Protein backbone atom coordinates (compact mmCIF):
# COMPACT_ATOMS: atom_id res chain seq x y z
CA MET A 1 22.72 -19.91 -14.54
CA THR A 2 20.13 -22.46 -13.57
CA ILE A 3 20.76 -24.91 -10.90
CA THR A 4 18.62 -27.93 -10.86
CA LEU A 5 18.41 -29.88 -7.45
CA PRO A 6 17.99 -33.59 -7.46
CA SER A 7 14.74 -34.90 -6.36
CA ILE A 8 15.25 -36.85 -3.14
CA SER A 9 12.77 -39.26 -1.97
CA LEU A 10 13.05 -40.51 1.70
CA LEU A 11 10.08 -42.74 1.59
CA PRO A 12 12.29 -45.99 1.15
CA TYR A 13 14.45 -44.92 4.04
CA LEU A 14 11.36 -44.57 6.35
CA PRO A 15 12.19 -47.38 8.69
CA GLU A 16 15.53 -46.04 9.59
CA ILE A 17 14.07 -42.37 9.94
CA VAL A 18 11.37 -43.79 12.55
CA LEU A 19 14.23 -45.38 14.42
CA LEU A 20 16.19 -42.20 14.29
CA ILE A 21 13.64 -40.06 15.64
CA THR A 22 12.64 -42.35 18.17
CA ALA A 23 16.38 -42.22 19.49
CA LEU A 24 16.18 -38.40 19.34
CA LEU A 25 12.92 -38.41 21.42
CA VAL A 26 14.37 -40.70 24.04
CA LEU A 27 17.37 -38.22 24.49
CA VAL A 28 15.30 -35.20 24.77
CA ILE A 29 12.54 -36.93 26.94
CA ASP A 30 15.51 -38.31 29.05
CA THR A 31 16.62 -34.97 29.78
CA PHE A 32 13.49 -33.84 31.61
CA ALA A 33 11.76 -37.10 32.75
CA GLY A 34 11.90 -38.11 36.20
CA GLU A 35 10.73 -41.68 35.57
CA LYS A 36 12.90 -43.19 33.02
CA ARG A 37 11.86 -46.86 33.09
CA TRP A 38 9.34 -46.44 30.32
CA LEU A 39 12.06 -45.13 27.89
CA VAL A 40 12.64 -48.74 26.93
CA TRP A 41 8.82 -49.11 26.08
CA LEU A 42 9.14 -45.83 23.85
CA ALA A 43 11.93 -47.37 21.98
CA LEU A 44 10.14 -50.65 21.74
CA LEU A 45 7.15 -48.76 20.27
CA GLY A 46 9.33 -47.05 17.52
CA THR A 47 11.00 -50.36 16.64
CA ILE A 48 7.57 -51.88 16.27
CA VAL A 49 6.56 -48.80 14.03
CA ALA A 50 9.53 -49.19 12.04
CA GLY A 51 8.95 -52.89 11.65
CA VAL A 52 5.37 -52.19 10.38
CA THR A 53 6.68 -49.45 8.02
CA THR A 54 9.13 -52.15 6.67
CA TRP A 55 6.63 -54.78 6.17
CA SER A 56 4.23 -52.18 4.28
CA LEU A 57 6.86 -51.26 1.87
CA SER A 58 6.57 -52.99 -1.41
CA LEU A 59 9.40 -51.75 -3.26
CA GLY A 60 11.27 -52.98 -6.44
CA PRO A 61 15.03 -53.14 -7.33
CA THR A 62 15.02 -49.15 -6.98
CA LEU A 63 17.91 -46.87 -5.79
CA TYR A 64 17.50 -43.78 -3.88
CA LEU A 65 19.68 -40.90 -2.21
CA GLN A 66 21.69 -40.45 -5.16
CA ASP A 67 21.95 -44.38 -6.01
CA MET A 68 23.82 -45.01 -2.58
CA LEU A 69 21.14 -47.00 -0.96
CA ALA A 70 18.85 -49.70 -2.47
CA ALA A 71 15.15 -50.40 -1.80
CA ASP A 72 14.84 -53.81 -2.58
CA PRO A 73 13.60 -57.12 -0.85
CA TYR A 74 17.13 -57.84 0.34
CA ALA A 75 17.34 -54.56 2.11
CA LEU A 76 13.96 -54.87 3.65
CA PHE A 77 14.80 -58.44 4.76
CA ILE A 78 17.90 -57.26 6.37
CA ASP A 79 15.84 -54.38 8.18
CA MET A 80 13.33 -56.84 9.47
CA VAL A 81 16.21 -59.11 11.00
CA VAL A 82 17.64 -56.12 12.61
CA LEU A 83 14.40 -54.77 14.07
CA ILE A 84 13.68 -58.03 15.58
CA ILE A 85 17.30 -58.26 17.14
CA THR A 86 16.76 -54.52 18.40
CA ALA A 87 13.34 -55.31 19.78
CA ILE A 88 14.51 -58.46 21.98
CA SER A 89 17.72 -56.72 23.03
CA LEU A 90 15.57 -53.80 24.51
CA LEU A 91 13.44 -56.61 26.36
CA LEU A 92 16.71 -58.19 27.56
CA ALA A 93 18.23 -54.99 28.78
CA TYR A 94 15.08 -54.04 30.76
CA ASP A 95 15.99 -55.23 34.19
CA TRP A 96 19.83 -54.30 33.86
CA LEU A 97 18.61 -50.71 33.08
CA ASN A 98 16.28 -50.46 36.13
CA SER A 99 19.41 -50.82 38.30
CA HIS A 100 21.40 -48.23 36.16
CA ALA A 101 18.46 -45.74 35.89
CA HIS A 102 20.84 -42.80 35.22
CA GLN A 103 22.12 -44.44 32.07
CA GLN A 104 18.63 -45.64 30.51
CA GLY A 105 18.30 -42.64 27.88
CA GLU A 106 21.95 -42.94 26.52
CA TYR A 107 21.80 -46.65 26.57
CA VAL A 108 18.45 -46.90 24.65
CA ALA A 109 19.45 -44.13 22.23
CA LEU A 110 22.80 -45.59 21.24
CA LEU A 111 21.20 -49.20 20.85
CA LEU A 112 18.66 -47.30 18.17
CA PHE A 113 21.46 -45.55 16.57
CA SER A 114 23.47 -48.77 16.09
CA ALA A 115 20.41 -50.31 14.55
CA VAL A 116 20.18 -47.56 12.16
CA GLY A 117 23.58 -48.19 11.15
CA MET A 118 23.11 -51.76 10.81
CA MET A 119 19.91 -51.36 8.60
CA THR A 120 21.87 -48.77 6.53
CA MET A 121 24.65 -51.38 5.98
CA GLY A 122 21.98 -53.81 4.41
CA ALA A 123 20.71 -51.21 1.91
CA ALA A 124 24.33 -49.63 1.01
CA THR A 125 25.11 -49.86 -2.64
CA ASN A 126 28.05 -47.53 -2.24
CA VAL A 127 31.43 -48.17 -0.40
CA ILE A 128 31.28 -44.79 1.09
CA THR A 129 27.88 -45.48 2.35
CA ILE A 130 28.91 -48.84 3.79
CA PHE A 131 31.70 -47.25 5.56
CA VAL A 132 29.52 -44.49 7.19
CA ALA A 133 27.00 -47.08 8.33
CA LEU A 134 29.73 -49.17 9.62
CA GLU A 135 31.10 -46.10 11.74
CA ILE A 136 27.53 -45.45 12.91
CA LEU A 137 26.97 -48.80 14.20
CA SER A 138 30.38 -49.17 15.52
CA LEU A 139 30.65 -45.88 17.45
CA SER A 140 27.53 -46.84 19.34
CA LEU A 141 28.66 -50.31 20.14
CA TYR A 142 32.22 -48.90 21.53
CA VAL A 143 30.31 -46.86 24.00
CA LEU A 144 27.74 -49.48 24.95
CA THR A 145 30.49 -52.03 25.71
CA GLY A 146 31.71 -49.63 28.46
CA PHE A 147 28.33 -48.87 29.77
CA ALA A 148 29.06 -51.22 32.91
CA ARG A 149 31.19 -48.61 34.68
CA GLU A 150 31.21 -50.34 38.08
CA ARG A 151 33.54 -53.06 36.40
CA LEU A 152 36.95 -52.54 35.12
CA THR A 153 36.45 -55.20 32.54
CA SER A 154 33.75 -53.23 30.92
CA GLY A 155 36.09 -50.34 30.36
CA GLU A 156 38.85 -52.49 29.25
CA ALA A 157 36.54 -54.25 26.93
CA ALA A 158 35.62 -50.95 25.25
CA LEU A 159 39.03 -49.63 24.90
CA LYS A 160 40.20 -52.77 23.20
CA TYR A 161 37.14 -52.83 21.09
CA PHE A 162 37.65 -49.06 20.11
CA LEU A 163 41.33 -49.35 19.24
CA LEU A 164 41.17 -52.49 17.07
CA GLY A 165 37.87 -51.11 15.50
CA ALA A 166 39.84 -48.09 14.57
CA PHE A 167 42.48 -50.09 12.87
CA ALA A 168 39.95 -52.21 10.98
CA SER A 169 38.12 -49.09 9.82
CA ALA A 170 41.51 -47.34 8.60
CA PHE A 171 42.06 -50.73 6.50
CA PHE A 172 38.53 -50.47 5.23
CA LEU A 173 38.86 -46.86 4.14
CA TYR A 174 42.21 -47.38 2.58
CA GLY A 175 40.51 -50.45 0.54
CA VAL A 176 37.76 -47.93 -0.78
CA ALA A 177 40.48 -45.40 -1.76
CA LEU A 178 42.54 -48.11 -3.72
CA LEU A 179 39.32 -49.53 -5.39
CA TYR A 180 38.42 -45.71 -6.37
CA GLY A 181 41.94 -45.32 -7.77
CA ALA A 182 41.53 -48.64 -9.82
CA THR A 183 38.03 -48.28 -10.90
CA GLY A 184 36.99 -44.69 -10.77
CA HIS A 185 33.85 -45.55 -8.89
CA PHE A 186 32.49 -45.79 -5.40
CA ASP A 187 29.25 -47.53 -6.26
CA LEU A 188 29.33 -51.27 -6.10
CA VAL A 189 27.83 -51.71 -9.93
CA GLY A 190 30.45 -49.35 -11.29
CA ILE A 191 33.29 -51.17 -9.56
CA GLY A 192 32.04 -54.34 -10.75
CA LYS A 193 31.73 -53.14 -14.41
CA ASN A 194 35.41 -51.64 -14.42
CA MET A 195 37.17 -54.30 -12.38
CA ALA A 196 38.54 -56.18 -15.40
CA GLY A 197 42.12 -55.43 -16.10
CA THR A 198 42.81 -53.33 -13.00
CA GLY A 199 45.53 -55.36 -11.61
CA LEU A 200 47.27 -55.08 -8.31
CA MET A 201 45.63 -51.84 -6.87
CA ALA A 202 42.26 -53.56 -7.06
CA ALA A 203 43.24 -56.51 -5.75
CA ALA A 204 44.79 -54.85 -2.62
CA GLY A 205 41.72 -52.73 -2.41
CA VAL A 206 39.41 -55.83 -2.21
CA ALA A 207 41.93 -57.43 0.49
CA LEU A 208 41.68 -54.47 2.87
CA LEU A 209 37.89 -54.46 2.40
CA LEU A 210 38.02 -58.12 3.25
CA VAL A 211 39.79 -57.23 6.50
CA GLY A 212 37.33 -54.58 7.65
CA PHE A 213 34.29 -56.85 7.05
CA SER A 214 36.09 -59.73 8.68
CA PHE A 215 36.94 -57.57 11.80
CA LYS A 216 33.16 -56.64 11.91
CA VAL A 217 31.79 -60.29 11.62
CA ALA A 218 34.56 -61.77 13.79
CA LEU A 219 36.44 -63.90 11.28
CA ALA A 220 39.71 -65.53 11.96
CA PRO A 221 42.30 -64.07 12.37
CA PHE A 222 40.66 -60.79 12.56
CA HIS A 223 38.57 -62.24 15.92
CA MET A 224 41.03 -61.24 18.55
CA TRP A 225 38.68 -58.61 20.39
CA THR A 226 35.62 -60.79 20.47
CA PRO A 227 36.16 -62.94 23.64
CA ASP A 228 37.29 -60.13 25.76
CA VAL A 229 34.67 -57.70 24.56
CA TYR A 230 31.73 -60.19 24.82
CA GLN A 231 32.84 -60.98 28.40
CA GLY A 232 33.65 -57.47 29.39
CA ALA A 233 30.47 -55.59 28.08
CA PRO A 234 27.14 -55.81 29.81
CA THR A 235 25.57 -59.19 28.73
CA SER A 236 22.57 -57.37 27.03
CA VAL A 237 25.09 -55.35 24.93
CA THR A 238 26.82 -58.68 24.17
CA ALA A 239 23.76 -60.17 23.08
CA PHE A 240 22.87 -57.30 20.81
CA MET A 241 26.24 -56.98 19.13
CA SER A 242 26.83 -60.63 18.81
CA VAL A 243 23.88 -60.96 16.29
CA GLY A 244 23.25 -57.34 15.08
CA ALA A 245 26.91 -56.62 13.98
CA LYS A 246 27.00 -60.01 12.49
CA ALA A 247 23.84 -59.54 10.40
CA ALA A 248 24.74 -56.10 9.31
CA GLY A 249 28.41 -57.17 8.55
CA PHE A 250 27.34 -60.17 6.25
CA ALA A 251 24.69 -58.15 4.68
CA ALA A 252 27.25 -55.60 3.36
CA PHE A 253 29.64 -58.53 2.71
CA LEU A 254 27.02 -60.59 0.55
CA ARG A 255 26.02 -57.42 -1.52
CA PHE A 256 29.63 -56.31 -2.14
CA PHE A 257 31.11 -59.52 -3.38
CA HIS A 258 27.96 -60.48 -5.45
CA VAL A 259 27.60 -57.20 -7.02
CA ALA A 260 31.11 -55.51 -7.30
CA LEU A 261 32.92 -58.91 -7.68
CA ALA A 262 30.52 -60.94 -9.52
CA GLY A 263 32.84 -61.62 -12.34
CA SER A 264 35.67 -62.77 -10.19
CA TYR A 265 34.30 -65.66 -8.33
CA ALA A 266 37.02 -67.96 -9.32
CA THR A 267 39.45 -65.55 -7.50
CA TRP A 268 37.76 -64.90 -4.26
CA GLY A 269 35.47 -67.93 -3.80
CA PRO A 270 38.45 -70.37 -2.83
CA ALA A 271 39.74 -67.45 -0.76
CA LEU A 272 36.52 -67.15 1.30
CA ALA A 273 36.38 -71.02 1.62
CA ALA A 274 39.72 -71.09 3.14
CA LEU A 275 38.92 -68.36 5.52
CA ALA A 276 35.61 -70.26 6.67
CA VAL A 277 37.62 -73.26 7.40
CA LEU A 278 39.96 -71.15 9.58
CA THR A 279 37.40 -69.38 11.28
CA MET A 280 35.03 -72.27 12.23
CA THR A 281 37.88 -74.50 13.31
CA TRP A 282 39.66 -71.98 15.54
CA GLY A 283 36.27 -70.86 16.99
CA ASN A 284 35.39 -74.47 17.96
CA LEU A 285 38.74 -75.66 19.28
CA ALA A 286 39.01 -72.46 21.32
CA ALA A 287 35.58 -72.71 22.82
CA LEU A 288 36.43 -76.19 24.10
CA ASN A 289 38.16 -75.48 27.43
CA GLN A 290 36.36 -72.18 28.44
CA GLU A 291 35.07 -71.74 32.11
CA SER A 292 33.13 -68.52 31.28
CA VAL A 293 29.79 -69.05 29.40
CA LYS A 294 30.15 -65.79 27.91
CA ARG A 295 33.72 -66.45 26.47
CA MET A 296 32.48 -69.80 25.14
CA LEU A 297 29.55 -68.14 23.32
CA ALA A 298 32.07 -65.69 21.96
CA TYR A 299 34.37 -68.27 20.45
CA SER A 300 31.03 -70.13 19.27
CA SER A 301 30.05 -66.79 17.43
CA ILE A 302 33.40 -66.91 15.75
CA ALA A 303 32.67 -70.58 14.67
CA HIS A 304 29.00 -69.61 13.39
CA ALA A 305 30.65 -66.71 11.37
CA GLY A 306 32.70 -69.40 9.79
CA TYR A 307 29.60 -71.66 8.98
CA ALA A 308 27.71 -68.54 7.51
CA LEU A 309 30.63 -67.79 5.27
CA VAL A 310 30.31 -71.06 3.81
CA GLY A 311 27.13 -69.81 2.20
CA LEU A 312 29.07 -66.78 0.75
CA ALA A 313 31.88 -68.90 -0.48
CA ALA A 314 29.43 -71.12 -2.24
CA GLY A 315 28.71 -68.23 -4.50
CA ASN A 316 25.51 -69.52 -5.67
CA ALA A 317 21.87 -68.64 -5.28
CA LEU A 318 21.32 -71.29 -2.41
CA GLY A 319 24.40 -70.13 -0.63
CA MET A 320 23.05 -66.43 -0.56
CA SER A 321 19.64 -67.41 0.67
CA GLY A 322 21.04 -70.00 2.84
CA LEU A 323 23.38 -67.23 4.60
CA LEU A 324 20.37 -65.06 5.15
CA PHE A 325 18.23 -67.77 6.63
CA TYR A 326 21.23 -68.55 8.81
CA LEU A 327 21.42 -64.83 10.10
CA LEU A 328 17.66 -65.07 11.14
CA ALA A 329 17.90 -68.26 12.80
CA TYR A 330 21.24 -67.43 14.74
CA ALA A 331 19.62 -64.21 15.81
CA PHE A 332 16.96 -66.01 18.00
CA MET A 333 19.21 -68.81 19.35
CA ASN A 334 21.87 -66.66 20.35
CA LEU A 335 19.76 -63.82 21.82
CA GLY A 336 17.92 -66.55 23.76
CA ALA A 337 21.07 -67.91 25.01
CA PHE A 338 22.52 -64.74 26.37
CA GLY A 339 18.98 -64.16 27.72
CA VAL A 340 19.45 -67.12 30.04
CA ILE A 341 22.81 -65.95 30.99
CA ILE A 342 21.23 -62.63 32.06
CA MET A 343 18.50 -64.47 34.09
CA LEU A 344 21.33 -66.64 35.93
CA GLU A 345 24.21 -64.27 36.44
CA LYS A 346 24.78 -62.71 39.84
CA LYS A 347 24.00 -59.00 39.98
CA GLY A 348 27.16 -56.82 39.30
CA SER A 349 29.07 -59.86 38.10
CA GLY A 350 28.28 -59.27 34.31
CA ASP A 351 29.55 -63.10 33.55
CA LEU A 352 28.41 -66.46 34.41
CA SER A 353 30.94 -69.36 34.92
CA MET A 354 30.25 -73.07 33.75
CA SER A 355 30.19 -74.12 37.52
CA ALA A 356 27.60 -71.88 38.11
CA LEU A 357 25.20 -74.02 35.76
CA ARG A 358 25.71 -77.03 38.07
CA GLY A 359 22.22 -78.49 39.00
CA THR A 360 20.17 -75.66 37.54
CA ALA A 361 17.54 -77.95 36.22
CA ARG A 362 16.73 -78.89 39.94
CA GLU A 363 16.06 -75.12 40.96
CA HIS A 364 14.86 -73.77 37.57
CA PRO A 365 13.82 -76.65 35.33
CA LEU A 366 11.95 -74.25 32.80
CA LEU A 367 14.89 -72.18 32.49
CA ALA A 368 17.34 -75.16 32.17
CA ALA A 369 15.05 -76.60 29.45
CA THR A 370 15.18 -73.37 27.49
CA MET A 371 18.84 -73.18 27.54
CA ALA A 372 19.09 -76.75 26.60
CA VAL A 373 16.88 -75.81 23.42
CA PHE A 374 19.07 -72.97 22.57
CA MET A 375 22.32 -75.13 22.96
CA PHE A 376 20.73 -77.86 20.88
CA SER A 377 19.89 -75.44 18.11
CA LEU A 378 23.33 -73.84 18.21
CA ALA A 379 24.83 -77.48 17.72
CA GLY A 380 22.60 -78.14 14.73
CA VAL A 381 20.45 -80.73 16.44
CA PRO A 382 17.42 -81.24 14.28
CA PRO A 383 14.60 -80.09 14.04
CA LEU A 384 15.49 -76.90 15.40
CA ALA A 385 16.26 -73.79 13.62
CA GLY A 386 20.18 -74.10 13.79
CA PHE A 387 20.07 -77.49 12.00
CA PHE A 388 18.41 -76.09 8.94
CA GLY A 389 20.77 -72.95 8.86
CA LYS A 390 23.60 -75.33 8.56
CA PHE A 391 21.86 -77.75 6.23
CA TYR A 392 21.16 -74.85 3.74
CA VAL A 393 24.67 -73.56 3.68
CA PHE A 394 26.44 -76.77 3.74
CA GLY A 395 24.06 -77.89 0.90
CA ALA A 396 25.04 -74.67 -1.15
CA ALA A 397 28.73 -75.86 -0.71
CA VAL A 398 28.12 -79.33 -2.22
CA LYS A 399 26.10 -77.89 -5.03
CA ALA A 400 29.17 -75.60 -5.72
CA ASN A 401 31.40 -78.56 -5.90
CA MET A 402 32.99 -77.78 -2.51
CA THR A 403 31.87 -80.98 -0.98
CA TRP A 404 35.16 -80.89 1.01
CA LEU A 405 33.89 -77.66 2.72
CA ALA A 406 30.66 -79.14 3.62
CA ILE A 407 32.61 -82.04 5.30
CA VAL A 408 34.78 -79.59 7.32
CA GLY A 409 31.73 -77.88 8.47
CA ILE A 410 29.92 -81.05 9.47
CA ILE A 411 32.99 -81.98 11.28
CA ASN A 412 33.31 -78.75 13.11
CA SER A 413 29.59 -79.07 14.10
CA ALA A 414 30.29 -82.40 15.76
CA ILE A 415 33.13 -80.86 17.71
CA SER A 416 30.91 -77.94 18.89
CA ALA A 417 28.55 -80.52 20.18
CA TYR A 418 31.04 -81.37 23.17
CA TYR A 419 30.94 -77.80 24.63
CA TYR A 420 27.29 -77.17 23.68
CA LEU A 421 26.02 -80.45 25.51
CA ARG A 422 28.38 -79.79 28.42
CA VAL A 423 26.27 -76.91 29.26
CA SER A 424 23.19 -79.37 29.54
CA VAL A 425 25.16 -82.00 31.15
CA LEU A 426 26.10 -79.41 34.07
CA MET A 427 22.43 -78.36 34.56
CA TYR A 428 20.91 -81.87 34.25
CA MET A 429 23.63 -84.42 35.49
CA VAL A 430 25.72 -82.45 38.05
CA GLU A 431 24.85 -81.85 41.65
CA PRO A 432 24.77 -77.97 42.56
CA ASP A 433 27.75 -76.67 44.16
CA GLU A 434 27.12 -75.89 48.07
CA ASN A 435 29.08 -72.81 47.80
CA THR A 436 27.04 -71.59 44.81
CA THR A 437 24.57 -68.69 45.76
CA ASP A 438 21.01 -69.26 44.34
CA VAL A 439 19.99 -66.58 41.78
CA ALA A 440 16.75 -64.98 42.03
CA THR A 441 15.01 -65.49 38.62
CA ASN A 442 11.45 -64.64 39.69
CA ASN A 443 9.56 -61.53 39.01
CA ARG A 444 11.37 -60.71 35.78
CA PRO A 445 8.47 -60.95 33.42
CA VAL A 446 9.87 -58.81 30.61
CA LEU A 447 13.04 -61.10 30.37
CA ALA A 448 10.98 -64.24 30.53
CA PHE A 449 8.85 -63.04 27.75
CA ALA A 450 11.99 -62.18 25.52
CA LEU A 451 13.09 -65.65 26.17
CA LEU A 452 9.82 -67.08 25.29
CA VAL A 453 9.80 -65.34 21.96
CA ALA A 454 13.28 -66.62 21.11
CA LEU A 455 12.20 -69.98 22.21
CA VAL A 456 9.07 -70.06 19.82
CA PHE A 457 10.91 -68.81 17.03
CA VAL A 458 13.84 -71.10 17.27
CA ILE A 459 11.33 -74.04 17.50
CA GLY A 460 8.99 -72.59 15.01
CA ILE A 461 11.60 -71.85 12.18
CA GLY A 462 13.05 -75.51 12.89
CA LEU A 463 9.56 -76.91 12.13
CA TRP A 464 8.51 -74.95 9.25
CA PRO A 465 11.68 -73.91 7.47
CA GLY A 466 10.23 -73.62 4.33
CA ILE A 467 8.42 -70.49 5.01
CA TRP A 468 11.41 -68.73 6.06
CA MET A 469 13.59 -70.07 3.38
CA GLN A 470 11.07 -68.72 0.73
CA MET A 471 11.47 -65.09 2.37
CA ALA A 472 15.33 -65.53 2.19
CA GLN A 473 15.20 -66.65 -1.38
CA GLN A 474 12.93 -63.94 -2.62
CA ALA A 475 15.31 -61.32 -0.70
CA ALA A 476 18.44 -62.69 -2.27
CA ALA A 477 17.00 -63.31 -5.71
CA LEU A 478 17.85 -59.82 -7.25
CA LEU A 479 21.66 -60.11 -6.02
CA GLY A 480 22.10 -63.18 -8.25
């Protein structure tokens, strides 16, 4: 009997392999190295090499690894977004890791492992692959959330994230089982071809998968974990998960609904639109009275998940490319905002209160101006990146005859302007509190460089949105 083994090409998965090897090298070297500070630079080098590899790959709509992963422009676009997020997150964590030297190797390796999971989610064309990638990124984030062992809130946040995440994973896996029972397929194309006439079992499976995706991208009412986890985790971890997990979740979300459910848009489109309204409204209203800047940005991230979902609910080509553009723009402006928090928070506090922003412009004018730009961009003020992100997804809703959804989004953007502009008012128009201890922001060149990169891209994407939108359109073209 002759057994023929299938040929397996790992070339399309090379960026993820580079990150994986880098993470393993970090763990091995960390075991023997005395000086651990340069482990961040090793990880950054691996991230850059993975980025160069991604950029050099010129692949068509090919499938590999037994048709479970795609090597298409969409997957490569998500790879680039995740790698940018990873590189900036490593820079944001540099100073914190210097004060936690004994944890550097584990932190850096877990960050890279999580990035591998995020990149795999963008390429996954099989619900089992999506689930495995989801668990890779989630398990790493559970541990990273509890890394600030000196604070009880960090451990509490990690436990809450783990328990709720386990429930969400169970929902997702049960949904996979129901979809397989209804269609006989795990791959997205096979599911799409066999969805017709599947009835209640398939509908229940899709609903359970929607719960799993909603938890990962923090859609209401599956957002309960977000404020406590964002506040309790080390701020550099919060920055990474707030954009990385959202980008990966929406990447798989978008591919699943536009490939497996392409023929049933009339059913899921209105449902996603209703979910977008609930998410953006709840996030913005809850953010209005927050006194912790991290909790405010946590509820803000929920609202932004609602804005991004508008592009998915629209179900057209502009909605798909607009969603990808939004993920890229949101990555820079949110990482930048959390970077300023890292710069201003007191050592060991892990948080920043609104009152601590009082009079910041007097002591740190450049830092205050940088934070103001990020807040304006998150609010959607032109000509910054956030404005065009909202412009494209709301425009997609209008094009899909969902003008009412675009109007709700605009109203919510107006509501969000209150708490974003409140930050600038406190920094520029309120006298500093006499009891507030000044925070040392000097001699932190790595963190300052990360903020500069985020600032340049927030302004640059806003001034030249066409370049980035064209890249997003090319990435999303095959999904349509």
